[in-house]
PDB file of N, CA and C in Angstrom:
ATOM      1  N   MET A   1    -108.539 202.145  14.531  1.00  0.00           N
ATOM      2  CA  MET A   1    -107.314 202.050  13.764  1.00  0.00           C
ATOM      3  C   MET A   1    -106.152 201.772  14.692  1.00  0.00           C
ATOM      4  N   SER A   2    -105.222 201.043  14.177  1.00  0.00           N
ATOM      5  CA  SER A   2    -104.038 200.714  14.956  1.00  0.00           C
ATOM      6  C   SER A   2    -103.069 201.892  14.939  1.00  0.00           C
ATOM      7  N   ALA A   3    -102.481 202.169  16.090  1.00  0.00           N
ATOM      8  CA  ALA A   3    -101.527 203.273  16.181  1.00  0.00           C
ATOM      9  C   ALA A   3    -100.139 202.859  15.699  1.00  0.00           C
ATOM     10  N   THR A   4     -99.957 201.555  15.410  1.00  0.00           N
ATOM     11  CA  THR A   4     -98.631 201.090  15.036  1.00  0.00           C
ATOM     12  C   THR A   4     -98.361 201.175  13.550  1.00  0.00           C
ATOM     13  N   HIS A   5     -99.392 201.043  12.706  1.00  0.00           N
ATOM     14  CA  HIS A   5     -99.163 201.055  11.266  1.00  0.00           C
ATOM     15  C   HIS A   5    -100.343 201.703  10.561  1.00  0.00           C
ATOM     16  N   HIS A   6    -100.054 202.600   9.635  1.00  0.00           N
ATOM     17  CA  HIS A   6    -101.093 203.232   8.828  1.00  0.00           C
ATOM     18  C   HIS A   6    -100.756 203.019   7.368  1.00  0.00           C
ATOM     19  N   SER A   7    -101.668 202.397   6.648  1.00  0.00           N
ATOM     20  CA  SER A   7    -101.473 202.273   5.206  1.00  0.00           C
ATOM     21  C   SER A   7    -101.863 203.593   4.564  1.00  0.00           C
ATOM     22  N   PRO A   8    -101.422 203.848   3.324  1.00  0.00           N
ATOM     23  CA  PRO A   8    -101.821 205.089   2.653  1.00  0.00           C
ATOM     24  C   PRO A   8    -103.336 205.225   2.544  1.00  0.00           C
ATOM     25  N   LEU A   9    -104.031 204.091   2.347  1.00  0.00           N
ATOM     26  CA  LEU A   9    -105.489 204.147   2.246  1.00  0.00           C
ATOM     27  C   LEU A   9    -106.110 204.525   3.580  1.00  0.00           C
ATOM     28  N   SER A  10    -105.620 203.939   4.679  1.00  0.00           N
ATOM     29  CA  SER A  10    -106.210 204.266   5.975  1.00  0.00           C
ATOM     30  C   SER A  10    -105.917 205.712   6.354  1.00  0.00           C
ATOM     31  N   ARG A  11    -104.744 206.224   5.961  1.00  0.00           N
ATOM     32  CA  ARG A  11    -104.430 207.633   6.225  1.00  0.00           C
ATOM     33  C   ARG A  11    -105.360 208.545   5.450  1.00  0.00           C
ATOM     34  N   ALA A  12    -105.668 208.175   4.198  1.00  0.00           N
ATOM     35  CA  ALA A  12    -106.519 209.017   3.355  1.00  0.00           C
ATOM     36  C   ALA A  12    -107.956 209.012   3.833  1.00  0.00           C
ATOM     37  N   THR A  13    -108.403 207.904   4.402  1.00  0.00           N
ATOM     38  CA  THR A  13    -109.803 207.810   4.806  1.00  0.00           C
ATOM     39  C   THR A  13    -110.030 208.170   6.263  1.00  0.00           C
ATOM     40  N   SER A  14    -108.954 208.333   7.038  1.00  0.00           N
ATOM     41  CA  SER A  14    -109.137 208.686   8.440  1.00  0.00           C
ATOM     42  C   SER A  14    -109.458 210.175   8.561  1.00  0.00           C
ATOM     43  N   THR A  15    -110.191 210.492   9.604  1.00  0.00           N
ATOM     44  CA  THR A  15    -110.558 211.890   9.818  1.00  0.00           C
ATOM     45  C   THR A  15    -109.427 212.604  10.540  1.00  0.00           C
ATOM     46  N   ARG A  16    -109.482 213.933  10.513  1.00  0.00           N
ATOM     47  CA  ARG A  16    -108.465 214.737  11.200  1.00  0.00           C
ATOM     48  C   ARG A  16    -108.460 214.422  12.691  1.00  0.00           C
ATOM     49  N   ALA A  17    -109.627 214.215  13.285  1.00  0.00           N
ATOM     50  CA  ALA A  17    -109.707 213.910  14.720  1.00  0.00           C
ATOM     51  C   ALA A  17    -109.047 212.573  15.028  1.00  0.00           C
ATOM     52  N   GLU A  18    -109.254 211.577  14.151  1.00  0.00           N
ATOM     53  CA  GLU A  18    -108.623 210.274  14.370  1.00  0.00           C
ATOM     54  C   GLU A  18    -107.110 210.385  14.274  1.00  0.00           C
ATOM     55  N   ARG A  19    -106.615 211.156  13.297  1.00  0.00           N
ATOM     56  CA  ARG A  19    -105.170 211.313  13.155  1.00  0.00           C
ATOM     57  C   ARG A  19    -104.601 212.054  14.357  1.00  0.00           C
ATOM     58  N   ALA A  20    -105.313 213.057  14.858  1.00  0.00           N
ATOM     59  CA  ALA A  20    -104.846 213.802  16.021  1.00  0.00           C
ATOM     60  C   ALA A  20    -104.847 212.906  17.259  1.00  0.00           C
ATOM     61  N   ALA A  21    -105.852 212.029  17.369  1.00  0.00           N
ATOM     62  CA  ALA A  21    -105.914 211.117  18.508  1.00  0.00           C
ATOM     63  C   ALA A  21    -104.751 210.134  18.472  1.00  0.00           C
ATOM     64  N   ASP A  22    -104.279 209.796  17.273  1.00  0.00           N
ATOM     65  CA  ASP A  22    -103.136 208.895  17.130  1.00  0.00           C
ATOM     66  C   ASP A  22    -101.816 209.626  17.367  1.00  0.00           C
ATOM     67  N   GLY A  23    -101.872 210.932  17.605  1.00  0.00           N
ATOM     68  CA  GLY A  23    -100.659 211.699  17.841  1.00  0.00           C
ATOM     69  C   GLY A  23    -100.000 212.185  16.559  1.00  0.00           C
ATOM     70  N   GLU A  24    -100.711 212.113  15.444  1.00  0.00           N
ATOM     71  CA  GLU A  24    -100.146 212.541  14.169  1.00  0.00           C
ATOM     72  C   GLU A  24    -100.245 214.061  14.038  1.00  0.00           C
ATOM     73  N   PHE A  25     -99.221 214.682  13.510  1.00  0.00           N
ATOM     74  CA  PHE A  25     -99.160 216.133  13.379  1.00  0.00           C
ATOM     75  C   PHE A  25     -99.977 216.576  12.176  1.00  0.00           C
ATOM     76  N   ASP A  26    -100.861 217.553  12.351  1.00  0.00           N
ATOM     77  CA  ASP A  26    -101.730 218.033  11.280  1.00  0.00           C
ATOM     78  C   ASP A  26    -101.124 219.297  10.665  1.00  0.00           C
ATOM     79  N   TRP A  27    -100.374 219.113   9.575  1.00  0.00           N
ATOM     80  CA  TRP A  27     -99.708 220.244   8.927  1.00  0.00           C
ATOM     81  C   TRP A  27    -100.710 221.244   8.359  1.00  0.00           C
ATOM     82  N   GLY A  28    -101.815 220.771   7.814  1.00  0.00           N
ATOM     83  CA  GLY A  28    -102.812 221.677   7.235  1.00  0.00           C
ATOM     84  C   GLY A  28    -103.356 222.657   8.261  1.00  0.00           C
ATOM     85  N   ALA A  29    -103.675 222.147   9.445  1.00  0.00           N
ATOM     86  CA  ALA A  29    -104.193 223.018  10.505  1.00  0.00           C
ATOM     87  C   ALA A  29    -103.128 224.012  10.960  1.00  0.00           C
ATOM     88  N   GLN A  30    -101.885 223.571  11.025  1.00  0.00           N
ATOM     89  CA  GLN A  30    -100.805 224.455  11.447  1.00  0.00           C
ATOM     90  C   GLN A  30    -100.576 225.570  10.434  1.00  0.00           C
ATOM     91  N   ILE A  31    -100.642 225.235   9.156  1.00  0.00           N
ATOM     92  CA  ILE A  31    -100.447 226.251   8.113  1.00  0.00           C
ATOM     93  C   ILE A  31    -101.585 227.262   8.137  1.00  0.00           C
ATOM     94  N   ARG A  32    -102.824 226.770   8.266  1.00  0.00           N
ATOM     95  CA  ARG A  32    -103.967 227.698   8.348  1.00  0.00           C
ATOM     96  C   ARG A  32    -103.845 228.602   9.566  1.00  0.00           C
ATOM     97  N   LEU A  33    -103.459 228.039  10.703  1.00  0.00           N
ATOM     98  CA  LEU A  33    -103.278 228.843  11.915  1.00  0.00           C
ATOM     99  C   LEU A  33    -102.197 229.898  11.705  1.00  0.00           C
ATOM    100  N   GLY A  34    -101.100 229.514  11.065  1.00  0.00           N
ATOM    101  CA  GLY A  34    -100.023 230.467  10.794  1.00  0.00           C
ATOM    102  C   GLY A  34    -100.473 231.612   9.906  1.00  0.00           C
ATOM    103  N   VAL A  35    -101.263 231.303   8.886  1.00  0.00           N
ATOM    104  CA  VAL A  35    -101.758 232.348   7.982  1.00  0.00           C
ATOM    105  C   VAL A  35    -102.698 233.287   8.731  1.00  0.00           C
ATOM    106  N   VAL A  36    -103.614 232.728   9.496  1.00  0.00           N
ATOM    107  CA  VAL A  36    -104.570 233.563  10.244  1.00  0.00           C
ATOM    108  C   VAL A  36    -103.839 234.440  11.250  1.00  0.00           C
ATOM    109  N   LEU A  37    -102.894 233.859  11.984  1.00  0.00           N
ATOM    110  CA  LEU A  37    -102.162 234.656  12.975  1.00  0.00           C
ATOM    111  C   LEU A  37    -101.290 235.721  12.314  1.00  0.00           C
ATOM    112  N   SER A  38    -100.780 235.444  11.119  1.00  0.00           N
ATOM    113  CA  SER A  38     -99.999 236.451  10.397  1.00  0.00           C
ATOM    114  C   SER A  38    -100.870 237.631  10.001  1.00  0.00           C
ATOM    115  N   VAL A  39    -102.072 237.349   9.533  1.00  0.00           N
ATOM    116  CA  VAL A  39    -103.000 238.427   9.163  1.00  0.00           C
ATOM    117  C   VAL A  39    -103.364 239.253  10.394  1.00  0.00           C
ATOM    118  N   VAL A  40    -103.630 238.578  11.504  1.00  0.00           N
ATOM    119  CA  VAL A  40    -103.951 239.293  12.745  1.00  0.00           C
ATOM    120  C   VAL A  40    -102.763 240.157  13.180  1.00  0.00           C
ATOM    121  N   ALA A  41    -101.553 239.621  13.067  1.00  0.00           N
ATOM    122  CA  ALA A  41    -100.361 240.380  13.451  1.00  0.00           C
ATOM    123  C   ALA A  41    -100.198 241.626  12.586  1.00  0.00           C
ATOM    124  N   VAL A  42    -100.461 241.501  11.286  1.00  0.00           N
ATOM    125  CA  VAL A  42    -100.355 242.661  10.385  1.00  0.00           C
ATOM    126  C   VAL A  42    -101.391 243.715  10.763  1.00  0.00           C
ATOM    127  N   VAL A  43    -102.618 243.294  11.015  1.00  0.00           N
ATOM    128  CA  VAL A  43    -103.683 244.246  11.366  1.00  0.00           C
ATOM    129  C   VAL A  43    -103.341 244.965  12.669  1.00  0.00           C
ATOM    130  N   VAL A  44    -102.876 244.219  13.674  1.00  0.00           N
ATOM    131  CA  VAL A  44    -102.517 244.840  14.957  1.00  0.00           C
ATOM    132  C   VAL A  44    -101.342 245.791  14.779  1.00  0.00           C
ATOM    133  N   THR A  45    -100.333 245.382  14.010  1.00  0.00           N
ATOM    134  CA  THR A  45     -99.154 246.226  13.803  1.00  0.00           C
ATOM    135  C   THR A  45     -99.512 247.505  13.074  1.00  0.00           C
ATOM    136  N   VAL A  46    -100.326 247.390  12.035  1.00  0.00           N
ATOM    137  CA  VAL A  46    -100.734 248.588  11.292  1.00  0.00           C
ATOM    138  C   VAL A  46    -101.573 249.501  12.190  1.00  0.00           C
ATOM    139  N   GLY A  47    -102.420 248.906  13.013  1.00  0.00           N
ATOM    140  CA  GLY A  47    -103.259 249.701  13.908  1.00  0.00           C
ATOM    141  C   GLY A  47    -102.468 250.424  14.985  1.00  0.00           C
ATOM    142  N   LEU A  48    -101.356 249.822  15.414  1.00  0.00           N
ATOM    143  CA  LEU A  48    -100.559 250.437  16.478  1.00  0.00           C
ATOM    144  C   LEU A  48     -99.360 251.231  15.961  1.00  0.00           C
ATOM    145  N   ALA A  49     -99.108 251.191  14.665  1.00  0.00           N
ATOM    146  CA  ALA A  49     -97.961 251.909  14.087  1.00  0.00           C
ATOM    147  C   ALA A  49     -98.109 253.401  14.356  1.00  0.00           C
ATOM    148  N   GLY A  50     -97.043 254.009  14.799  1.00  0.00           N
ATOM    149  CA  GLY A  50     -97.066 255.437  15.101  1.00  0.00           C
ATOM    150  C   GLY A  50     -97.465 255.731  16.534  1.00  0.00           C
ATOM    151  N   ARG A  51     -98.121 254.783  17.190  1.00  0.00           N
ATOM    152  CA  ARG A  51     -98.545 254.974  18.579  1.00  0.00           C
ATOM    153  C   ARG A  51     -97.619 254.255  19.555  1.00  0.00           C
ATOM    154  N   VAL A  52     -97.027 253.159  19.076  1.00  0.00           N
ATOM    155  CA  VAL A  52     -96.161 252.334  19.923  1.00  0.00           C
ATOM    156  C   VAL A  52     -94.817 252.214  19.226  1.00  0.00           C
ATOM    157  N   ALA A  53     -93.741 252.215  19.984  1.00  0.00           N
ATOM    158  CA  ALA A  53     -92.395 252.121  19.413  1.00  0.00           C
ATOM    159  C   ALA A  53     -92.223 250.785  18.675  1.00  0.00           C
ATOM    160  N   GLU A  54     -91.436 250.827  17.620  1.00  0.00           N
ATOM    161  CA  GLU A  54     -91.222 249.639  16.789  1.00  0.00           C
ATOM    162  C   GLU A  54     -90.659 248.454  17.569  1.00  0.00           C
ATOM    163  N   PRO A  55     -89.635 248.659  18.430  1.00  0.00           N
ATOM    164  CA  PRO A  55     -89.127 247.501  19.189  1.00  0.00           C
ATOM    165  C   PRO A  55     -90.196 246.855  20.076  1.00  0.00           C
ATOM    166  N   VAL A  56     -91.083 247.657  20.627  1.00  0.00           N
ATOM    167  CA  VAL A  56     -92.155 247.118  21.468  1.00  0.00           C
ATOM    168  C   VAL A  56     -93.097 246.265  20.627  1.00  0.00           C
ATOM    169  N   LEU A  57     -93.421 246.727  19.418  1.00  0.00           N
ATOM    170  CA  LEU A  57     -94.283 245.947  18.523  1.00  0.00           C
ATOM    171  C   LEU A  57     -93.638 244.619  18.151  1.00  0.00           C
ATOM    172  N   VAL A  58     -92.366 244.669  17.762  1.00  0.00           N
ATOM    173  CA  VAL A  58     -91.675 243.452  17.319  1.00  0.00           C
ATOM    174  C   VAL A  58     -91.564 242.451  18.471  1.00  0.00           C
ATOM    175  N   ILE A  59     -91.121 242.900  19.625  1.00  0.00           N
ATOM    176  CA  ILE A  59     -90.959 242.003  20.770  1.00  0.00           C
ATOM    177  C   ILE A  59     -92.321 241.478  21.234  1.00  0.00           C
ATOM    178  N   GLY A  60     -93.325 242.342  21.242  1.00  0.00           N
ATOM    179  CA  GLY A  60     -94.669 241.908  21.625  1.00  0.00           C
ATOM    180  C   GLY A  60     -95.212 240.829  20.704  1.00  0.00           C
ATOM    181  N   LEU A  61     -95.023 241.009  19.396  1.00  0.00           N
ATOM    182  CA  LEU A  61     -95.480 239.990  18.448  1.00  0.00           C
ATOM    183  C   LEU A  61     -94.722 238.678  18.621  1.00  0.00           C
ATOM    184  N   LEU A  62     -93.419 238.765  18.866  1.00  0.00           N
ATOM    185  CA  LEU A  62     -92.640 237.547  19.088  1.00  0.00           C
ATOM    186  C   LEU A  62     -93.090 236.806  20.351  1.00  0.00           C
ATOM    187  N   VAL A  63     -93.359 237.540  21.409  1.00  0.00           N
ATOM    188  CA  VAL A  63     -93.801 236.917  22.656  1.00  0.00           C
ATOM    189  C   VAL A  63     -95.160 236.252  22.472  1.00  0.00           C
ATOM    190  N   VAL A  64     -96.102 236.961  21.868  1.00  0.00           N
ATOM    191  CA  VAL A  64     -97.440 236.404  21.660  1.00  0.00           C
ATOM    192  C   VAL A  64     -97.372 235.179  20.746  1.00  0.00           C
ATOM    193  N   ALA A  65     -96.604 235.263  19.665  1.00  0.00           N
ATOM    194  CA  ALA A  65     -96.480 234.126  18.747  1.00  0.00           C
ATOM    195  C   ALA A  65     -95.846 232.931  19.445  1.00  0.00           C
ATOM    196  N   SER A  66     -94.840 233.169  20.279  1.00  0.00           N
ATOM    197  CA  SER A  66     -94.189 232.078  21.000  1.00  0.00           C
ATOM    198  C   SER A  66     -95.145 231.404  21.980  1.00  0.00           C
ATOM    199  N   VAL A  67     -95.905 232.200  22.702  1.00  0.00           N
ATOM    200  CA  VAL A  67     -96.863 231.644  23.661  1.00  0.00           C
ATOM    201  C   VAL A  67     -97.906 230.799  22.935  1.00  0.00           C
ATOM    202  N   LEU A  68     -98.447 231.316  21.838  1.00  0.00           N
ATOM    203  CA  LEU A  68     -99.447 230.559  21.083  1.00  0.00           C
ATOM    204  C   LEU A  68     -98.855 229.288  20.491  1.00  0.00           C
ATOM    205  N   ALA A  69     -97.637 229.353  20.006  1.00  0.00           N
ATOM    206  CA  ALA A  69     -97.005 228.168  19.423  1.00  0.00           C
ATOM    207  C   ALA A  69     -96.761 227.102  20.482  1.00  0.00           C
ATOM    208  N   TRP A  70     -96.266 227.486  21.653  1.00  0.00           N
ATOM    209  CA  TRP A  70     -95.982 226.496  22.688  1.00  0.00           C
ATOM    210  C   TRP A  70     -97.247 225.906  23.278  1.00  0.00           C
ATOM    211  N   ARG A  71     -98.351 226.645  23.233  1.00  0.00           N
ATOM    212  CA  ARG A  71     -99.615 226.088  23.730  1.00  0.00           C
ATOM    213  C   ARG A  71    -100.095 224.944  22.863  1.00  0.00           C
ATOM    214  N   ARG A  72     -99.700 224.926  21.582  1.00  0.00           N
ATOM    215  CA  ARG A  72    -100.143 223.874  20.673  1.00  0.00           C
ATOM    216  C   ARG A  72     -99.259 222.633  20.725  1.00  0.00           C
ATOM    217  N   VAL A  73     -98.159 222.714  21.431  1.00  0.00           N
ATOM    218  CA  VAL A  73     -97.276 221.551  21.558  1.00  0.00           C
ATOM    219  C   VAL A  73     -97.877 220.622  22.613  1.00  0.00           C
ATOM    220  N   PRO A  74     -98.085 219.355  22.266  1.00  0.00           N
ATOM    221  CA  PRO A  74     -98.700 218.445  23.236  1.00  0.00           C
ATOM    222  C   PRO A  74     -97.764 218.152  24.404  1.00  0.00           C
ATOM    223  N   ALA A  75     -98.360 217.978  25.557  1.00  0.00           N
ATOM    224  CA  ALA A  75     -97.580 217.615  26.740  1.00  0.00           C
ATOM    225  C   ALA A  75     -97.099 216.179  26.578  1.00  0.00           C
ATOM    226  N   VAL A  76     -95.854 215.964  26.868  1.00  0.00           N
ATOM    227  CA  VAL A  76     -95.257 214.642  26.702  1.00  0.00           C
ATOM    228  C   VAL A  76     -94.762 214.173  28.059  1.00  0.00           C
ATOM    229  N   ALA A  77     -95.077 212.934  28.370  1.00  0.00           N
ATOM    230  CA  ALA A  77     -94.590 212.359  29.622  1.00  0.00           C
ATOM    231  C   ALA A  77     -93.090 212.123  29.512  1.00  0.00           C
ATOM    232  N   PRO A  78     -92.368 212.288  30.604  1.00  0.00           N
ATOM    233  CA  PRO A  78     -90.927 212.037  30.550  1.00  0.00           C
ATOM    234  C   PRO A  78     -90.634 210.576  30.196  1.00  0.00           C
ATOM    235  N   ALA A  79     -89.559 210.362  29.476  1.00  0.00           N
ATOM    236  CA  ALA A  79     -89.174 209.005  29.091  1.00  0.00           C
ATOM    237  C   ALA A  79     -88.697 208.245  30.330  1.00  0.00           C
ATOM    238  N   HIS A  80     -89.077 207.005  30.390  1.00  0.00           N
ATOM    239  CA  HIS A  80     -88.622 206.160  31.492  1.00  0.00           C
ATOM    240  C   HIS A  80     -87.288 205.539  31.116  1.00  0.00           C
ATOM    241  N   VAL A  81     -86.313 205.718  31.967  1.00  0.00           N
ATOM    242  CA  VAL A  81     -84.978 205.177  31.705  1.00  0.00           C
ATOM    243  C   VAL A  81     -84.795 203.962  32.599  1.00  0.00           C
ATOM    244  N   ARG A  82     -84.445 202.855  31.971  1.00  0.00           N
ATOM    245  CA  ARG A  82     -84.254 201.624  32.723  1.00  0.00           C
ATOM    246  C   ARG A  82     -82.896 201.646  33.417  1.00  0.00           C
ATOM    247  N   LYS A  83     -82.877 201.351  34.686  1.00  0.00           N
ATOM    248  CA  LYS A  83     -81.629 201.322  35.439  1.00  0.00           C
ATOM    249  C   LYS A  83     -81.043 199.926  35.382  1.00  0.00           C
ATOM    250  N   ARG A  84     -79.723 199.843  35.318  1.00  0.00           N
ATOM    251  CA  ARG A  84     -79.068 198.538  35.273  1.00  0.00           C
ATOM    252  C   ARG A  84     -78.617 198.130  36.627  1.00  0.00           C
TER     253      ARG A  84
END
């Protein structure tokens, strides 16, 4: 498939791997990941409630969520700027 143009039919028939290889963002996978990580966060928070201070739980969850989110961001090469 060409990376320059996708018709609605080619988008519908392409696989998730092909779309990911083209650099297309997979919203379905991101939503599923968010739901799963939210459930895990609730289970961990309920399990640690009463044993760990609330600010530690909140900050810990934010740090872990941030690390996981940034790991899913693709590495991008710096833009080349043409000098005049």
